[in-house]
Amino acid sequence: MTLPLLRRLAGQTPPLTITSAEEIATIEILMLAGHLDATLAAPVIAADGTRSRVATVHGVTRLGHWMLLHAPLPPVRRTSNFKV
């Protein structure tokens, strides 16, 4: 999911606020790889014990843009009703 998220973020105008726990985990990976410039807020723990976290994406780095140019595109799924 890292490259699809990187592609999606590269097509949007920063700053972007991300609240999805799954996407924040992926943003952490992209930050560690040097592909994203982002800020992670400290987790907030609600009274019921649930945790929430916010990431602010400031932009895709030069390395991130390079990766998007050189990474293979995902395979195209072809569905067909034709039988050979």
C-alpha atoms as a PDB file:
ATOM      1  CA  MET A   1       0.000   0.000   0.000  1.00  0.00           C
ATOM      2  CA  THR A   2       2.982   2.337   0.259  1.00  0.00           C
ATOM      3  CA  LEU A   3       3.332   3.188  -3.433  1.00  0.00           C
ATOM      4  CA  PRO A   4      -0.401   3.672  -4.078  1.00  0.00           C
ATOM      5  CA  LEU A   5      -0.581   6.046  -1.096  1.00  0.00           C
ATOM      6  CA  LEU A   6       2.548   7.874  -2.260  1.00  0.00           C
ATOM      7  CA  ARG A   7       1.009   8.250  -5.739  1.00  0.00           C
ATOM      8  CA  ARG A   8      -2.233   9.552  -4.252  1.00  0.00           C
ATOM      9  CA  LEU A   9      -0.459  12.056  -1.982  1.00  0.00           C
ATOM     10  CA  ALA A  10       1.735  13.272  -4.852  1.00  0.00           C
ATOM     11  CA  GLY A  11      -1.398  14.208  -6.781  1.00  0.00           C
ATOM     12  CA  GLN A  12      -2.805  16.413  -4.009  1.00  0.00           C
ATOM     13  CA  THR A  13      -1.883  19.883  -2.788  1.00  0.00           C
ATOM     14  CA  PRO A  14      -0.213  19.935   0.648  1.00  0.00           C
ATOM     15  CA  PRO A  15      -0.592  20.307   3.514  1.00  0.00           C
ATOM     16  CA  LEU A  16      -2.760  17.214   3.893  1.00  0.00           C
ATOM     17  CA  THR A  17      -4.234  15.990   7.160  1.00  0.00           C
ATOM     18  CA  ILE A  18      -4.425  12.210   7.532  1.00  0.00           C
ATOM     19  CA  THR A  19      -6.367  10.536  10.347  1.00  0.00           C
ATOM     20  CA  SER A  20      -6.681   6.910   9.194  1.00  0.00           C
ATOM     21  CA  ALA A  21      -4.584   4.654  11.451  1.00  0.00           C
ATOM     22  CA  GLU A  22      -3.633   2.416   8.500  1.00  0.00           C
ATOM     23  CA  GLU A  23      -2.566   5.375   6.357  1.00  0.00           C
ATOM     24  CA  ILE A  24      -0.601   6.910   9.245  1.00  0.00           C
ATOM     25  CA  ALA A  25       1.347   3.650   9.630  1.00  0.00           C
ATOM     26  CA  THR A  26       2.123   3.779   5.903  1.00  0.00           C
ATOM     27  CA  ILE A  27       3.111   7.446   6.148  1.00  0.00           C
ATOM     28  CA  GLU A  28       5.588   6.506   8.884  1.00  0.00           C
ATOM     29  CA  ILE A  29       7.158   3.963   6.525  1.00  0.00           C
ATOM     30  CA  LEU A  30       7.315   6.504   3.684  1.00  0.00           C
ATOM     31  CA  MET A  31       8.900   9.056   6.022  1.00  0.00           C
ATOM     32  CA  LEU A  32      11.537   6.554   7.168  1.00  0.00           C
ATOM     33  CA  ALA A  33      12.296   5.739   3.533  1.00  0.00           C
ATOM     34  CA  GLY A  34      12.769   9.456   2.822  1.00  0.00           C
ATOM     35  CA  HIS A  35       9.843   9.687   0.412  1.00  0.00           C
ATOM     36  CA  LEU A  36       7.598  12.041   2.385  1.00  0.00           C
ATOM     37  CA  ASP A  37       7.998  15.208   4.390  1.00  0.00           C
ATOM     38  CA  ALA A  38       5.389  14.863   7.134  1.00  0.00           C
ATOM     39  CA  THR A  39       4.733  15.608  10.790  1.00  0.00           C
ATOM     40  CA  LEU A  40       3.180  13.115  13.195  1.00  0.00           C
ATOM     41  CA  ALA A  41       1.288  14.473  16.175  1.00  0.00           C
ATOM     42  CA  ALA A  42       1.532  12.703  19.500  1.00  0.00           C
ATOM     43  CA  PRO A  43      -1.233  10.149  20.045  1.00  0.00           C
ATOM     44  CA  VAL A  44      -4.308  11.397  21.888  1.00  0.00           C
ATOM     45  CA  ILE A  45      -5.924   8.965  24.296  1.00  0.00           C
ATOM     46  CA  ALA A  46      -9.648   9.518  24.874  1.00  0.00           C
ATOM     47  CA  ALA A  47     -11.430   8.846  28.162  1.00  0.00           C
ATOM     48  CA  ASP A  48     -12.650   5.494  26.828  1.00  0.00           C
ATOM     49  CA  GLY A  49      -9.065   4.435  26.095  1.00  0.00           C
ATOM     50  CA  THR A  50      -9.164   4.770  22.321  1.00  0.00           C
ATOM     51  CA  ARG A  51      -6.117   6.297  20.687  1.00  0.00           C
ATOM     52  CA  SER A  52      -6.132   8.639  17.758  1.00  0.00           C
ATOM     53  CA  ARG A  53      -3.298  10.194  15.834  1.00  0.00           C
ATOM     54  CA  VAL A  54      -2.965  12.811  13.110  1.00  0.00           C
ATOM     55  CA  ALA A  55      -0.330  13.121  10.411  1.00  0.00           C
ATOM     56  CA  THR A  56       0.245  16.246   8.364  1.00  0.00           C
ATOM     57  CA  VAL A  57       1.859  15.618   4.990  1.00  0.00           C
ATOM     58  CA  HIS A  58       3.873  18.618   3.816  1.00  0.00           C
ATOM     59  CA  GLY A  59       4.945  17.124   0.507  1.00  0.00           C
ATOM     60  CA  VAL A  60       6.670  14.380  -1.431  1.00  0.00           C
ATOM     61  CA  THR A  61      10.460  14.577  -1.345  1.00  0.00           C
ATOM     62  CA  ARG A  62      12.752  14.472  -4.382  1.00  0.00           C
ATOM     63  CA  LEU A  63      13.491  10.847  -3.547  1.00  0.00           C
ATOM     64  CA  GLY A  64       9.746  10.157  -3.385  1.00  0.00           C
ATOM     65  CA  HIS A  65       9.222  11.693  -6.836  1.00  0.00           C
ATOM     66  CA  TRP A  66      12.157   9.653  -8.155  1.00  0.00           C
ATOM     67  CA  MET A  67      10.565   6.506  -6.748  1.00  0.00           C
ATOM     68  CA  LEU A  68       7.262   7.296  -8.433  1.00  0.00           C
ATOM     69  CA  LEU A  69       9.036   7.740 -11.770  1.00  0.00           C
ATOM     70  CA  HIS A  70      11.008   4.506 -11.509  1.00  0.00           C
ATOM     71  CA  ALA A  71       8.725   2.136  -9.603  1.00  0.00           C
ATOM     72  CA  PRO A  72       6.818  -0.351 -11.682  1.00  0.00           C
ATOM     73  CA  LEU A  73       3.147   0.353 -12.133  1.00  0.00           C
ATOM     74  CA  PRO A  74       0.752  -2.104 -10.524  1.00  0.00           C
ATOM     75  CA  PRO A  75      -0.413  -4.889 -12.832  1.00  0.00           C
ATOM     76  CA  VAL A  76      -3.621  -4.279 -14.730  1.00  0.00           C
ATOM     77  CA  ARG A  77      -6.350  -6.727 -13.872  1.00  0.00           C
ATOM     78  CA  ARG A  78      -8.134  -7.909 -16.929  1.00  0.00           C
ATOM     79  CA  THR A  79     -11.465  -9.566 -16.588  1.00  0.00           C
ATOM     80  CA  SER A  80     -13.071 -11.163 -19.540  1.00  0.00           C
ATOM     81  CA  ASN A  81     -16.119 -13.238 -20.180  1.00  0.00           C
ATOM     82  CA  PHE A  82     -14.572 -14.757 -23.309  1.00  0.00           C
ATOM     83  CA  LYS A  83     -13.501 -18.370 -23.178  1.00  0.00           C
ATOM     84  CA  VAL A  84     -10.755 -19.683 -25.355  1.00  0.00           C
END
